[in-house]
């Protein structure tokens, strides 16, 4: 599934960003603040699964040997 993001603008103070995310024919507007981009320790597992899933899909990896080699050779940022 592909997601496209359009940045619609920022608030005057720079603390918020307004964007539109589109998946297929469905779009949704978001207003996010800087704290939305921070992870709490209890969110690490969920974030890691999403990051790894995305990496495997974007890399076109198709078997466990490829996945193991490429994941172990990369540093991921949470």
C-alpha atoms as a PDB file:
ATOM      1  CA  UNK A   1       0.000   0.000   0.000  1.00  0.00           C
ATOM      2  CA  UNK A   2       1.404   3.357  -1.009  1.00  0.00           C
ATOM      3  CA  UNK A   3       0.884   6.475   1.069  1.00  0.00           C
ATOM      4  CA  UNK A   4       1.536   9.956  -0.270  1.00  0.00           C
ATOM      5  CA  UNK A   5       1.854  12.984   1.983  1.00  0.00           C
ATOM      6  CA  UNK A   6       1.277  16.629   1.076  1.00  0.00           C
ATOM      7  CA  UNK A   7       2.447  19.296   3.507  1.00  0.00           C
ATOM      8  CA  UNK A   8      -0.260  21.945   3.619  1.00  0.00           C
ATOM      9  CA  UNK A   9       1.487  24.334   5.982  1.00  0.00           C
ATOM     10  CA  UNK A  10       2.879  25.091   9.404  1.00  0.00           C
ATOM     11  CA  UNK A  11       1.492  27.187  12.229  1.00  0.00           C
ATOM     12  CA  UNK A  12       3.089  30.582  12.809  1.00  0.00           C
ATOM     13  CA  UNK A  13       4.993  29.364  15.875  1.00  0.00           C
ATOM     14  CA  UNK A  14       6.365  26.341  14.020  1.00  0.00           C
ATOM     15  CA  UNK A  15       4.944  23.931  16.578  1.00  0.00           C
ATOM     16  CA  UNK A  16       2.367  22.289  14.303  1.00  0.00           C
ATOM     17  CA  UNK A  17       2.318  20.911  10.790  1.00  0.00           C
ATOM     18  CA  UNK A  18      -0.790  20.419   8.656  1.00  0.00           C
ATOM     19  CA  UNK A  19      -0.712  17.654   6.078  1.00  0.00           C
ATOM     20  CA  UNK A  20      -2.874  15.440   3.925  1.00  0.00           C
ATOM     21  CA  UNK A  21      -2.126  11.714   3.689  1.00  0.00           C
ATOM     22  CA  UNK A  22      -3.591   9.813   0.733  1.00  0.00           C
ATOM     23  CA  UNK A  23      -3.952   6.059   0.352  1.00  0.00           C
ATOM     24  CA  UNK A  24      -5.526   5.043  -2.934  1.00  0.00           C
ATOM     25  CA  UNK A  25      -8.510   7.341  -3.410  1.00  0.00           C
ATOM     26  CA  UNK A  26      -8.922   8.175   0.282  1.00  0.00           C
ATOM     27  CA  UNK A  27      -7.366  11.277   1.824  1.00  0.00           C
ATOM     28  CA  UNK A  28      -7.244  12.403   5.417  1.00  0.00           C
ATOM     29  CA  UNK A  29      -6.041  15.678   6.905  1.00  0.00           C
ATOM     30  CA  UNK A  30      -3.801  15.712   9.974  1.00  0.00           C
ATOM     31  CA  UNK A  31      -2.468  18.361  12.295  1.00  0.00           C
ATOM     32  CA  UNK A  32       0.587  17.099  14.140  1.00  0.00           C
ATOM     33  CA  UNK A  33       2.798  18.750  16.717  1.00  0.00           C
ATOM     34  CA  UNK A  34       6.434  18.043  17.496  1.00  0.00           C
ATOM     35  CA  UNK A  35       5.601  15.679  20.348  1.00  0.00           C
ATOM     36  CA  UNK A  36       3.726  13.426  17.882  1.00  0.00           C
ATOM     37  CA  UNK A  37       7.106  12.532  16.410  1.00  0.00           C
ATOM     38  CA  UNK A  38       8.570  11.381  19.728  1.00  0.00           C
ATOM     39  CA  UNK A  39       8.321   7.771  20.867  1.00  0.00           C
ATOM     40  CA  UNK A  40       7.773   6.646  24.402  1.00  0.00           C
ATOM     41  CA  UNK A  41       9.505   3.402  25.487  1.00  0.00           C
ATOM     42  CA  UNK A  42       6.185   1.560  25.562  1.00  0.00           C
ATOM     43  CA  UNK A  43       5.774   2.346  21.819  1.00  0.00           C
ATOM     44  CA  UNK A  44       9.136   0.909  20.725  1.00  0.00           C
ATOM     45  CA  UNK A  45       7.882  -2.586  19.892  1.00  0.00           C
ATOM     46  CA  UNK A  46       5.039  -1.323  17.709  1.00  0.00           C
ATOM     47  CA  UNK A  47       7.337   1.182  15.991  1.00  0.00           C
ATOM     48  CA  UNK A  48       9.984  -1.462  15.356  1.00  0.00           C
ATOM     49  CA  UNK A  49       7.492  -3.821  13.705  1.00  0.00           C
ATOM     50  CA  UNK A  50       6.297  -1.010  11.414  1.00  0.00           C
ATOM     51  CA  UNK A  51       9.855   0.034  10.526  1.00  0.00           C
ATOM     52  CA  UNK A  52      10.951  -3.544   9.777  1.00  0.00           C
ATOM     53  CA  UNK A  53       7.820  -4.318   7.752  1.00  0.00           C
ATOM     54  CA  UNK A  54       8.317  -1.161   5.707  1.00  0.00           C
ATOM     55  CA  UNK A  55      12.010  -1.907   5.149  1.00  0.00           C
ATOM     56  CA  UNK A  56      11.265  -5.437   3.912  1.00  0.00           C
ATOM     57  CA  UNK A  57       8.556  -4.193   1.530  1.00  0.00           C
ATOM     58  CA  UNK A  58      10.602  -1.294   0.142  1.00  0.00           C
ATOM     59  CA  UNK A  59      13.680  -3.484  -0.293  1.00  0.00           C
ATOM     60  CA  UNK A  60      11.759  -6.172  -2.180  1.00  0.00           C
ATOM     61  CA  UNK A  61      13.098  -8.888   0.109  1.00  0.00           C
ATOM     62  CA  UNK A  62      11.378 -12.215  -0.505  1.00  0.00           C
ATOM     63  CA  UNK A  63      12.953 -14.807   1.775  1.00  0.00           C
ATOM     64  CA  UNK A  64      14.233 -15.100   5.325  1.00  0.00           C
ATOM     65  CA  UNK A  65      17.896 -15.307   4.289  1.00  0.00           C
ATOM     66  CA  UNK A  66      17.663 -11.962   2.455  1.00  0.00           C
ATOM     67  CA  UNK A  67      15.700 -10.417   5.294  1.00  0.00           C
ATOM     68  CA  UNK A  68      18.223 -11.607   7.896  1.00  0.00           C
ATOM     69  CA  UNK A  69      21.228 -10.334   5.923  1.00  0.00           C
ATOM     70  CA  UNK A  70      19.762  -6.934   5.121  1.00  0.00           C
ATOM     71  CA  UNK A  71      18.210  -6.258   8.530  1.00  0.00           C
ATOM     72  CA  UNK A  72      21.346  -7.244  10.427  1.00  0.00           C
ATOM     73  CA  UNK A  73      23.425  -4.973   8.180  1.00  0.00           C
ATOM     74  CA  UNK A  74      21.320  -1.853   8.785  1.00  0.00           C
ATOM     75  CA  UNK A  75      20.904   0.578  11.673  1.00  0.00           C
ATOM     76  CA  UNK A  76      17.318   1.682  12.261  1.00  0.00           C
ATOM     77  CA  UNK A  77      16.352   4.875  14.060  1.00  0.00           C
ATOM     78  CA  UNK A  78      13.366   4.975  16.400  1.00  0.00           C
END
